[in-house]
N, C-alpha and C. Protein backbone atom coordinates (compact mmCIF):
# COMPACT_ATOMS: atom_id res chain seq x y z
N MET A 1 0.85 -1.16 -0.02
CA MET A 1 -0.02 0.00 0.02
C MET A 1 0.90 1.23 0.01
N SER A 2 0.64 2.18 -0.89
CA SER A 2 1.50 3.37 -0.99
C SER A 2 0.94 4.53 -0.18
N ALA A 3 -0.26 4.41 0.31
CA ALA A 3 -0.88 5.53 1.11
C ALA A 3 -1.78 4.98 2.16
N ILE A 4 -1.99 5.79 3.19
CA ILE A 4 -2.97 5.45 4.24
C ILE A 4 -3.90 6.63 4.39
N ARG A 5 -5.11 6.35 4.86
CA ARG A 5 -6.06 7.39 5.15
C ARG A 5 -6.30 7.42 6.69
N VAL A 6 -6.22 8.62 7.22
CA VAL A 6 -6.50 8.78 8.67
C VAL A 6 -7.50 9.90 8.83
N THR A 7 -8.21 9.85 9.91
CA THR A 7 -9.15 10.89 10.29
C THR A 7 -8.50 11.77 11.35
N LEU A 8 -8.45 13.05 11.07
CA LEU A 8 -7.90 14.02 12.01
C LEU A 8 -9.08 14.68 12.73
N ARG A 9 -9.16 14.56 14.04
CA ARG A 9 -10.16 15.24 14.84
C ARG A 9 -9.57 16.60 15.26
N CYS A 10 -10.35 17.64 15.05
CA CYS A 10 -9.85 18.99 15.30
C CYS A 10 -10.55 19.59 16.51
N PHE A 11 -9.77 20.21 17.38
CA PHE A 11 -10.28 20.80 18.61
C PHE A 11 -9.71 22.21 18.79
N SER A 12 -10.46 23.04 19.50
CA SER A 12 -9.98 24.35 19.95
C SER A 12 -9.43 25.18 18.76
N HIS A 13 -8.20 25.69 18.88
CA HIS A 13 -7.62 26.55 17.87
C HIS A 13 -7.49 25.83 16.51
N VAL A 14 -7.14 24.57 16.56
CA VAL A 14 -7.03 23.84 15.29
C VAL A 14 -8.38 23.82 14.55
N ARG A 15 -9.44 23.54 15.30
CA ARG A 15 -10.76 23.51 14.70
C ARG A 15 -11.12 24.91 14.11
N GLN A 16 -10.84 25.94 14.87
CA GLN A 16 -11.17 27.27 14.40
C GLN A 16 -10.35 27.64 13.15
N ARG A 17 -9.03 27.38 13.19
CA ARG A 17 -8.17 27.77 12.06
C ARG A 17 -8.48 26.96 10.81
N LEU A 18 -8.78 25.67 10.96
CA LEU A 18 -9.07 24.85 9.78
C LEU A 18 -10.54 24.85 9.39
N ASN A 19 -11.35 25.45 10.26
CA ASN A 19 -12.79 25.54 10.01
C ASN A 19 -13.42 24.16 9.77
N ALA A 20 -13.01 23.20 10.60
CA ALA A 20 -13.50 21.85 10.44
C ALA A 20 -13.40 21.10 11.77
N ALA A 21 -14.37 20.26 12.02
CA ALA A 21 -14.33 19.39 13.22
C ALA A 21 -13.49 18.16 12.96
N SER A 22 -13.39 17.76 11.69
CA SER A 22 -12.53 16.64 11.38
C SER A 22 -12.16 16.75 9.89
N LEU A 23 -11.04 16.10 9.56
CA LEU A 23 -10.54 16.05 8.18
C LEU A 23 -10.12 14.62 7.86
N GLU A 24 -10.39 14.18 6.66
CA GLU A 24 -9.86 12.94 6.17
C GLU A 24 -8.58 13.23 5.39
N LEU A 25 -7.47 12.67 5.86
CA LEU A 25 -6.18 12.93 5.24
C LEU A 25 -5.60 11.68 4.61
N THR A 26 -4.98 11.85 3.46
CA THR A 26 -4.23 10.76 2.83
C THR A 26 -2.76 11.06 3.02
N LEU A 27 -2.04 10.12 3.61
CA LEU A 27 -0.61 10.27 3.91
C LEU A 27 0.14 9.12 3.27
N PRO A 28 1.42 9.30 3.02
CA PRO A 28 2.22 8.19 2.51
C PRO A 28 2.29 7.03 3.51
N ALA A 29 2.28 5.82 3.02
CA ALA A 29 2.44 4.65 3.88
C ALA A 29 3.73 4.81 4.66
N GLY A 30 3.70 4.43 5.92
CA GLY A 30 4.86 4.55 6.81
C GLY A 30 4.89 5.88 7.55
N SER A 31 3.86 6.72 7.37
CA SER A 31 3.78 8.03 8.07
C SER A 31 3.63 7.83 9.56
N THR A 32 4.11 8.79 10.30
CA THR A 32 4.05 8.79 11.77
C THR A 32 3.24 9.93 12.30
N THR A 33 3.06 9.98 13.60
CA THR A 33 2.39 11.08 14.21
C THR A 33 3.18 12.39 13.98
N ALA A 34 4.48 12.31 13.93
CA ALA A 34 5.32 13.49 13.62
C ALA A 34 5.04 14.00 12.22
N ASP A 35 4.93 13.10 11.26
CA ASP A 35 4.60 13.50 9.89
C ASP A 35 3.25 14.17 9.81
N LEU A 36 2.26 13.58 10.48
CA LEU A 36 0.93 14.17 10.48
C LEU A 36 0.95 15.57 11.14
N GLU A 37 1.67 15.70 12.26
CA GLU A 37 1.76 16.98 12.92
C GLU A 37 2.42 18.05 12.04
N ALA A 38 3.44 17.67 11.31
CA ALA A 38 4.11 18.58 10.37
C ALA A 38 3.15 19.00 9.28
N HIS A 39 2.37 18.07 8.77
CA HIS A 39 1.41 18.38 7.71
C HIS A 39 0.34 19.36 8.23
N VAL A 40 -0.16 19.14 9.43
CA VAL A 40 -1.16 20.02 10.01
C VAL A 40 -0.58 21.42 10.26
N ARG A 41 0.67 21.50 10.72
CA ARG A 41 1.30 22.80 10.94
C ARG A 41 1.41 23.58 9.63
N GLN A 42 1.64 22.88 8.50
CA GLN A 42 1.66 23.56 7.22
C GLN A 42 0.24 24.11 6.90
N LEU A 43 -0.80 23.34 7.20
CA LEU A 43 -2.15 23.82 6.97
C LEU A 43 -2.48 25.01 7.84
N LEU A 44 -2.02 25.00 9.07
CA LEU A 44 -2.31 26.08 10.05
C LEU A 44 -1.58 27.38 9.65
N GLY A 45 -0.40 27.27 9.12
CA GLY A 45 0.37 28.47 8.75
C GLY A 45 1.35 28.88 9.84
N PRO A 46 2.18 29.85 9.48
CA PRO A 46 3.30 30.24 10.34
C PRO A 46 2.89 30.83 11.69
N SER A 47 1.70 31.40 11.81
CA SER A 47 1.31 32.02 13.08
C SER A 47 1.11 31.00 14.21
N ASP A 48 0.89 29.72 13.84
CA ASP A 48 0.67 28.67 14.83
C ASP A 48 1.78 27.64 14.85
N ILE A 49 2.91 28.00 14.29
CA ILE A 49 4.02 27.07 14.16
C ILE A 49 4.52 26.52 15.50
N LYS A 50 4.44 27.31 16.56
CA LYS A 50 4.94 26.87 17.88
C LYS A 50 3.89 26.33 18.79
N MET A 51 2.64 26.18 18.30
CA MET A 51 1.60 25.63 19.12
C MET A 51 1.96 24.26 19.60
N VAL A 52 1.74 23.96 20.87
CA VAL A 52 2.02 22.66 21.47
C VAL A 52 0.81 21.80 21.38
N PHE A 53 0.98 20.51 21.08
CA PHE A 53 -0.12 19.57 20.97
C PHE A 53 0.10 18.35 21.86
N ARG A 54 -0.95 17.80 22.39
CA ARG A 54 -0.93 16.41 22.88
C ARG A 54 -1.54 15.60 21.75
N ILE A 55 -1.02 14.43 21.53
CA ILE A 55 -1.46 13.63 20.42
C ILE A 55 -2.13 12.34 20.92
N ALA A 56 -3.29 12.08 20.36
CA ALA A 56 -4.00 10.83 20.71
C ALA A 56 -4.22 10.08 19.38
N VAL A 57 -3.98 8.78 19.41
CA VAL A 57 -4.27 7.91 18.28
C VAL A 57 -5.28 6.90 18.77
N ASN A 58 -6.42 6.85 18.06
CA ASN A 58 -7.54 5.97 18.42
C ASN A 58 -7.91 6.12 19.90
N GLN A 59 -8.02 7.39 20.28
CA GLN A 59 -8.44 7.81 21.63
C GLN A 59 -7.53 7.43 22.74
N GLN A 60 -6.25 7.18 22.44
CA GLN A 60 -5.24 6.88 23.47
C GLN A 60 -4.09 7.86 23.26
N PHE A 61 -3.74 8.62 24.34
CA PHE A 61 -2.61 9.53 24.24
C PHE A 61 -1.36 8.74 23.97
N VAL A 62 -0.46 9.30 23.15
CA VAL A 62 0.78 8.67 22.82
C VAL A 62 1.92 9.58 23.25
N ALA A 63 3.00 8.98 23.64
CA ALA A 63 4.23 9.71 24.01
C ALA A 63 5.22 9.43 22.89
N GLY A 64 5.88 10.42 22.40
CA GLY A 64 6.83 10.23 21.35
C GLY A 64 6.15 10.00 20.01
N VAL A 65 6.94 9.50 19.08
CA VAL A 65 6.44 9.31 17.70
C VAL A 65 5.90 7.91 17.56
N GLN A 66 4.72 7.79 16.91
CA GLN A 66 4.07 6.49 16.71
C GLN A 66 3.77 6.34 15.21
N ALA A 67 3.95 5.16 14.71
CA ALA A 67 3.59 4.85 13.31
C ALA A 67 2.07 4.86 13.21
N LEU A 68 1.58 5.35 12.06
CA LEU A 68 0.16 5.40 11.82
C LEU A 68 -0.25 4.30 10.85
N ARG A 69 -1.49 3.80 11.03
CA ARG A 69 -2.00 2.75 10.15
C ARG A 69 -3.25 3.29 9.44
N ASP A 70 -3.53 2.65 8.35
CA ASP A 70 -4.74 3.01 7.58
C ASP A 70 -5.97 2.90 8.49
N GLY A 71 -6.78 3.94 8.51
CA GLY A 71 -8.00 3.94 9.30
C GLY A 71 -7.86 4.53 10.69
N ASP A 72 -6.62 4.92 11.09
CA ASP A 72 -6.45 5.49 12.43
C ASP A 72 -7.19 6.80 12.55
N GLU A 73 -7.60 7.13 13.79
CA GLU A 73 -8.16 8.39 14.14
C GLU A 73 -7.15 9.09 15.01
N VAL A 74 -6.77 10.29 14.62
CA VAL A 74 -5.74 11.06 15.34
C VAL A 74 -6.34 12.39 15.79
N ALA A 75 -6.04 12.74 17.02
CA ALA A 75 -6.44 14.06 17.55
C ALA A 75 -5.23 14.81 18.01
N LEU A 76 -5.09 16.06 17.58
CA LEU A 76 -4.06 16.97 18.04
C LEU A 76 -4.75 17.93 18.98
N LEU A 77 -4.44 17.79 20.25
CA LEU A 77 -5.17 18.57 21.28
C LEU A 77 -4.25 19.71 21.78
N PRO A 78 -4.62 20.97 21.46
CA PRO A 78 -3.87 22.07 22.04
C PRO A 78 -4.10 22.21 23.53
N PRO A 79 -3.29 23.00 24.20
CA PRO A 79 -3.44 23.17 25.65
C PRO A 79 -4.86 23.69 25.93
N MET A 80 -5.39 23.27 27.09
CA MET A 80 -6.72 23.68 27.54
C MET A 80 -6.65 25.14 27.98
N GLN A 81 -7.74 25.86 27.78
CA GLN A 81 -7.81 27.29 28.15
C GLN A 81 -9.04 27.53 28.99
N GLY A 82 -9.08 28.74 29.53
CA GLY A 82 -10.25 29.21 30.19
C GLY A 82 -10.30 28.86 31.67
N GLY A 83 -11.47 28.92 32.21
CA GLY A 83 -11.66 28.59 33.60
C GLY A 83 -11.58 29.82 34.49
N ALA A 84 -12.30 29.79 35.54
CA ALA A 84 -12.26 30.89 36.49
C ALA A 84 -12.36 30.36 37.88
């Protein structure tokens, strides 16, 4: 397989900037969470280049870089805000 399809779930600033709750992305086979994050940063543009994300794959937070598989659901979660 030369490509995989993943679903990106968008939250907070990512959702606002991309104007979407989710996106279906096609990535090269062998892509990792780091590759997906780099792709999303390109979509977001230079103003959000330093945004910090927690990454979840299939609703499980991951530490470090993880290989992605066809059909995975990935969420890039920016820091939480608000509260009083």
